[in-house]
Amino acid sequence: MICLVLTIFANIFQTAWAGINERTFVAVKPDGVQRRLVGEITRRFEQKGFRLVGLKLVQASESLLKEHYRDLREKPFFRGLIRYMSSGPVVAMVWQGLDVVKTARKMLGETNPADSLPGTIRGDYCVEVGRNVVHGSDSVESAQREISLWFRQQEVLCWEDCTERWIYE
């Protein structure tokens, strides 16, 4: 039932999520919150020119995390991942902008910090893959699904950014 509702929600808004209206889901994981990296991560996205349209601090439930990471449920690390992600607060964000999904993934760096370049979030702040500070959607479709999992429709705002003309032609 949850998947059906999420699919309907994503399909309704899919046509609006293109060009500069593309959206992605980014979450600062419990280790990033504990290490007080929320401001730095947010700053990087703001300085890039992306628009913050959703933000909240949450203690994620096990059911939410199991649905979020459902594609990994057969992996041997799944149980530990759910335990870790529910161990502390998570800062969930929705960012909007041109090619924001692809660009955000580059800004985050590789999932394994050892493969991440300096200048990326994981390259600058992470050592181990199990404590890689931040999650980012890997496709527009994943972004739509993840945003609809973590945010109600009224929690994602549409607002006019006065700097938009200085960022986009």
C-alpha atoms as a PDB file:
ATOM      1  CA  MET A   1       0.000   0.000   0.000  1.00  0.00           C
ATOM      2  CA  ILE A   2       2.797   2.445   0.917  1.00  0.00           C
ATOM      3  CA  CYS A   3       4.574   1.784  -2.376  1.00  0.00           C
ATOM      4  CA  LEU A   4       1.362   2.436  -4.352  1.00  0.00           C
ATOM      5  CA  VAL A   5       0.789   5.766  -2.615  1.00  0.00           C
ATOM      6  CA  LEU A   6       4.426   6.761  -3.138  1.00  0.00           C
ATOM      7  CA  THR A   7       4.279   5.860  -6.813  1.00  0.00           C
ATOM      8  CA  ILE A   8       1.094   7.894  -7.316  1.00  0.00           C
ATOM      9  CA  PHE A   9       2.629  10.868  -5.462  1.00  0.00           C
ATOM     10  CA  ALA A  10       5.813  10.676  -7.558  1.00  0.00           C
ATOM     11  CA  ASN A  11       3.913  10.378 -10.833  1.00  0.00           C
ATOM     12  CA  ILE A  12       1.744  13.407 -10.105  1.00  0.00           C
ATOM     13  CA  PHE A  13       4.772  15.619  -9.585  1.00  0.00           C
ATOM     14  CA  GLN A  14       7.157  14.014 -12.075  1.00  0.00           C
ATOM     15  CA  THR A  15       6.379  16.426 -14.905  1.00  0.00           C
ATOM     16  CA  ALA A  16       7.126  19.408 -12.663  1.00  0.00           C
ATOM     17  CA  TRP A  17      10.515  17.963 -11.659  1.00  0.00           C
ATOM     18  CA  ALA A  18      12.553  18.813 -14.728  1.00  0.00           C
ATOM     19  CA  GLY A  19      15.074  21.508 -15.646  1.00  0.00           C
ATOM     20  CA  ILE A  20      15.653  23.989 -12.826  1.00  0.00           C
ATOM     21  CA  ASN A  21      12.746  22.374 -10.924  1.00  0.00           C
ATOM     22  CA  GLU A  22      14.501  19.010 -10.566  1.00  0.00           C
ATOM     23  CA  ARG A  23      14.651  17.908  -6.942  1.00  0.00           C
ATOM     24  CA  THR A  24      16.820  15.553  -4.947  1.00  0.00           C
ATOM     25  CA  PHE A  25      16.806  14.096  -1.465  1.00  0.00           C
ATOM     26  CA  VAL A  26      19.869  14.565   0.738  1.00  0.00           C
ATOM     27  CA  ALA A  27      20.127  13.314   4.310  1.00  0.00           C
ATOM     28  CA  VAL A  28      22.852  14.055   6.812  1.00  0.00           C
ATOM     29  CA  LYS A  29      23.244  10.733   8.595  1.00  0.00           C
ATOM     30  CA  PRO A  30      23.592  10.349  12.382  1.00  0.00           C
ATOM     31  CA  ASP A  31      27.405  10.529  12.246  1.00  0.00           C
ATOM     32  CA  GLY A  32      27.231  13.790  10.274  1.00  0.00           C
ATOM     33  CA  VAL A  33      24.764  15.261  12.763  1.00  0.00           C
ATOM     34  CA  GLN A  34      26.889  14.132  15.741  1.00  0.00           C
ATOM     35  CA  ARG A  35      30.013  15.615  14.136  1.00  0.00           C
ATOM     36  CA  ARG A  36      28.141  18.912  13.555  1.00  0.00           C
ATOM     37  CA  LEU A  37      28.557  18.887   9.775  1.00  0.00           C
ATOM     38  CA  VAL A  38      24.969  19.884   8.946  1.00  0.00           C
ATOM     39  CA  GLY A  39      25.836  23.554   8.436  1.00  0.00           C
ATOM     40  CA  GLU A  40      28.854  22.784   6.259  1.00  0.00           C
ATOM     41  CA  ILE A  41      26.893  20.388   4.044  1.00  0.00           C
ATOM     42  CA  THR A  42      24.006  22.837   3.721  1.00  0.00           C
ATOM     43  CA  ARG A  43      26.453  25.660   2.972  1.00  0.00           C
ATOM     44  CA  ARG A  44      27.989  23.740   0.078  1.00  0.00           C
ATOM     45  CA  PHE A  45      24.615  23.185  -1.573  1.00  0.00           C
ATOM     46  CA  GLU A  46      23.586  26.805  -1.044  1.00  0.00           C
ATOM     47  CA  GLN A  47      26.876  28.128  -2.422  1.00  0.00           C
ATOM     48  CA  LYS A  48      26.486  25.901  -5.464  1.00  0.00           C
ATOM     49  CA  GLY A  49      23.234  27.749  -6.165  1.00  0.00           C
ATOM     50  CA  PHE A  50      20.674  25.085  -5.276  1.00  0.00           C
ATOM     51  CA  ARG A  51      17.453  26.026  -3.539  1.00  0.00           C
ATOM     52  CA  LEU A  52      16.498  24.405  -0.237  1.00  0.00           C
ATOM     53  CA  VAL A  53      12.792  23.526  -0.433  1.00  0.00           C
ATOM     54  CA  GLY A  54      12.485  21.025   2.431  1.00  0.00           C
ATOM     55  CA  LEU A  55      14.341  20.558   5.712  1.00  0.00           C
ATOM     56  CA  LYS A  56      13.695  18.705   8.952  1.00  0.00           C
ATOM     57  CA  LEU A  57      15.447  16.989  11.824  1.00  0.00           C
ATOM     58  CA  VAL A  58      13.994  13.512  12.393  1.00  0.00           C
ATOM     59  CA  GLN A  59      14.552  10.393  14.412  1.00  0.00           C
ATOM     60  CA  ALA A  60      13.867   7.912  11.623  1.00  0.00           C
ATOM     61  CA  SER A  61      11.710   4.909  12.441  1.00  0.00           C
ATOM     62  CA  GLU A  62      12.799   1.404  11.581  1.00  0.00           C
ATOM     63  CA  SER A  63       9.885   1.052   9.147  1.00  0.00           C
ATOM     64  CA  LEU A  64      10.842   4.254   7.295  1.00  0.00           C
ATOM     65  CA  LEU A  65      14.465   3.156   7.040  1.00  0.00           C
ATOM     66  CA  LYS A  66      13.539  -0.343   5.843  1.00  0.00           C
ATOM     67  CA  GLU A  67      11.423   1.192   3.089  1.00  0.00           C
ATOM     68  CA  HIS A  68      14.093   3.754   2.212  1.00  0.00           C
ATOM     69  CA  TYR A  69      16.816   1.093   1.913  1.00  0.00           C
ATOM     70  CA  ARG A  70      14.549  -1.654   0.539  1.00  0.00           C
ATOM     71  CA  ASP A  71      16.885  -2.291  -2.421  1.00  0.00           C
ATOM     72  CA  LEU A  72      19.628  -3.289   0.038  1.00  0.00           C
ATOM     73  CA  ARG A  73      17.520  -5.675   2.159  1.00  0.00           C
ATOM     74  CA  GLU A  74      19.342  -8.785   0.877  1.00  0.00           C
ATOM     75  CA  LYS A  75      22.802  -7.367   1.634  1.00  0.00           C
ATOM     76  CA  PRO A  76      24.656  -8.681   4.694  1.00  0.00           C
ATOM     77  CA  PHE A  77      25.084  -5.151   6.098  1.00  0.00           C
ATOM     78  CA  PHE A  78      21.355  -4.261   5.924  1.00  0.00           C
ATOM     79  CA  ARG A  79      20.571  -4.889   9.596  1.00  0.00           C
ATOM     80  CA  GLY A  80      23.578  -2.875  10.740  1.00  0.00           C
ATOM     81  CA  LEU A  81      22.655  -0.045   8.370  1.00  0.00           C
ATOM     82  CA  ILE A  82      19.131   0.184   9.803  1.00  0.00           C
ATOM     83  CA  ARG A  83      20.498   0.066  13.370  1.00  0.00           C
ATOM     84  CA  TYR A  84      23.053   2.793  12.594  1.00  0.00           C
ATOM     85  CA  MET A  85      20.578   5.050  10.769  1.00  0.00           C
ATOM     86  CA  SER A  86      18.112   4.812  13.664  1.00  0.00           C
ATOM     87  CA  SER A  87      20.833   5.476  16.280  1.00  0.00           C
ATOM     88  CA  GLY A  88      20.452   9.251  16.208  1.00  0.00           C
ATOM     89  CA  PRO A  89      18.843  12.191  14.449  1.00  0.00           C
ATOM     90  CA  VAL A  90      18.952  12.586  10.674  1.00  0.00           C
ATOM     91  CA  VAL A  91      18.638  15.907   8.842  1.00  0.00           C
ATOM     92  CA  ALA A  92      16.444  15.317   5.799  1.00  0.00           C
ATOM     93  CA  MET A  93      16.580  17.877   2.990  1.00  0.00           C
ATOM     94  CA  VAL A  94      15.092  18.486  -0.424  1.00  0.00           C
ATOM     95  CA  TRP A  95      17.204  20.524  -2.840  1.00  0.00           C
ATOM     96  CA  GLN A  96      16.034  21.945  -6.160  1.00  0.00           C
ATOM     97  CA  GLY A  97      17.940  23.056  -9.232  1.00  0.00           C
ATOM     98  CA  LEU A  98      19.205  22.187 -12.691  1.00  0.00           C
ATOM     99  CA  ASP A  99      20.678  18.658 -12.763  1.00  0.00           C
ATOM    100  CA  VAL A 100      20.614  18.667  -8.953  1.00  0.00           C
ATOM    101  CA  VAL A 101      20.551  14.853  -8.671  1.00  0.00           C
ATOM    102  CA  LYS A 102      23.690  14.323 -10.741  1.00  0.00           C
ATOM    103  CA  THR A 103      25.493  17.352  -9.317  1.00  0.00           C
ATOM    104  CA  ALA A 104      24.658  16.434  -5.721  1.00  0.00           C
ATOM    105  CA  ARG A 105      26.117  12.957  -6.226  1.00  0.00           C
ATOM    106  CA  LYS A 106      29.358  14.528  -7.481  1.00  0.00           C
ATOM    107  CA  MET A 107      29.415  16.928  -4.519  1.00  0.00           C
ATOM    108  CA  LEU A 108      28.948  14.037  -2.082  1.00  0.00           C
ATOM    109  CA  GLY A 109      31.690  11.878  -3.568  1.00  0.00           C
ATOM    110  CA  GLU A 110      31.802   8.109  -3.845  1.00  0.00           C
ATOM    111  CA  THR A 111      29.924   5.911  -1.363  1.00  0.00           C
ATOM    112  CA  ASN A 112      33.295   4.594  -0.200  1.00  0.00           C
ATOM    113  CA  PRO A 113      35.181   7.613   1.154  1.00  0.00           C
ATOM    114  CA  ALA A 114      38.512   6.023   0.133  1.00  0.00           C
ATOM    115  CA  ASP A 115      37.391   6.469  -3.491  1.00  0.00           C
ATOM    116  CA  SER A 116      36.202  10.062  -2.979  1.00  0.00           C
ATOM    117  CA  LEU A 117      38.213  12.995  -4.223  1.00  0.00           C
ATOM    118  CA  PRO A 118      39.302  15.817  -1.921  1.00  0.00           C
ATOM    119  CA  GLY A 119      36.802  18.652  -2.220  1.00  0.00           C
ATOM    120  CA  THR A 120      33.822  16.303  -2.048  1.00  0.00           C
ATOM    121  CA  ILE A 121      31.911  15.995   1.209  1.00  0.00           C
ATOM    122  CA  ARG A 122      32.946  12.375   1.739  1.00  0.00           C
ATOM    123  CA  GLY A 123      36.468  13.056   0.518  1.00  0.00           C
ATOM    124  CA  ASP A 124      36.843  15.832   3.075  1.00  0.00           C
ATOM    125  CA  TYR A 125      35.007  14.361   6.076  1.00  0.00           C
ATOM    126  CA  CYS A 126      34.855  10.569   5.890  1.00  0.00           C
ATOM    127  CA  VAL A 127      37.169   7.626   6.448  1.00  0.00           C
ATOM    128  CA  GLU A 128      34.919   4.529   6.501  1.00  0.00           C
ATOM    129  CA  VAL A 129      32.062   3.520   4.209  1.00  0.00           C
ATOM    130  CA  GLY A 130      29.933   2.638   7.245  1.00  0.00           C
ATOM    131  CA  ARG A 131      30.191   6.231   8.477  1.00  0.00           C
ATOM    132  CA  ASN A 132      29.985   8.215   5.259  1.00  0.00           C
ATOM    133  CA  VAL A 133      28.093  11.200   6.734  1.00  0.00           C
ATOM    134  CA  VAL A 134      25.485  11.787   4.032  1.00  0.00           C
ATOM    135  CA  HIS A 135      23.002  10.138   1.678  1.00  0.00           C
ATOM    136  CA  GLY A 136      21.963  11.479  -1.718  1.00  0.00           C
ATOM    137  CA  SER A 137      19.475  10.144  -4.255  1.00  0.00           C
ATOM    138  CA  ASP A 138      21.106   8.329  -7.166  1.00  0.00           C
ATOM    139  CA  SER A 139      18.464   9.128  -9.812  1.00  0.00           C
ATOM    140  CA  VAL A 140      15.478  11.383 -10.388  1.00  0.00           C
ATOM    141  CA  GLU A 141      13.194   8.396  -9.812  1.00  0.00           C
ATOM    142  CA  SER A 142      14.911   7.554  -6.500  1.00  0.00           C
ATOM    143  CA  ALA A 143      14.708  11.210  -5.485  1.00  0.00           C
ATOM    144  CA  GLN A 144      10.974  11.262  -6.071  1.00  0.00           C
ATOM    145  CA  ARG A 145      10.471   8.062  -4.081  1.00  0.00           C
ATOM    146  CA  GLU A 146      12.722   9.174  -1.219  1.00  0.00           C
ATOM    147  CA  ILE A 147      11.230  12.661  -0.976  1.00  0.00           C
ATOM    148  CA  SER A 148       7.733  11.180  -0.790  1.00  0.00           C
ATOM    149  CA  LEU A 149       8.915   8.819   1.978  1.00  0.00           C
ATOM    150  CA  TRP A 150      10.499  11.477   4.173  1.00  0.00           C
ATOM    151  CA  PHE A 151       8.257  14.504   3.457  1.00  0.00           C
ATOM    152  CA  ARG A 152       4.538  15.143   3.220  1.00  0.00           C
ATOM    153  CA  GLN A 153       3.542  17.184   0.177  1.00  0.00           C
ATOM    154  CA  GLN A 154       2.930  20.354   2.228  1.00  0.00           C
ATOM    155  CA  GLU A 155       6.410  20.114   3.784  1.00  0.00           C
ATOM    156  CA  VAL A 156       8.146  20.732   0.452  1.00  0.00           C
ATOM    157  CA  LEU A 157       7.808  24.406  -0.407  1.00  0.00           C
ATOM    158  CA  CYS A 158       7.712  26.273  -3.676  1.00  0.00           C
ATOM    159  CA  TRP A 159       9.170  29.723  -3.204  1.00  0.00           C
ATOM    160  CA  GLU A 160      10.710  32.401  -5.374  1.00  0.00           C
ATOM    161  CA  ASP A 161      14.459  32.702  -5.092  1.00  0.00           C
ATOM    162  CA  CYS A 162      15.591  36.253  -5.895  1.00  0.00           C
ATOM    163  CA  THR A 163      19.081  35.021  -6.880  1.00  0.00           C
ATOM    164  CA  GLU A 164      17.785  32.657  -9.557  1.00  0.00           C
ATOM    165  CA  ARG A 165      18.481  35.120 -12.386  1.00  0.00           C
ATOM    166  CA  TRP A 166      22.108  35.303 -11.220  1.00  0.00           C
ATOM    167  CA  ILE A 167      22.464  31.503 -11.351  1.00  0.00           C
ATOM    168  CA  TYR A 168      20.528  30.558 -14.514  1.00  0.00           C
ATOM    169  CA  GLU A 169      20.496  32.174 -17.958  1.00  0.00           C
END
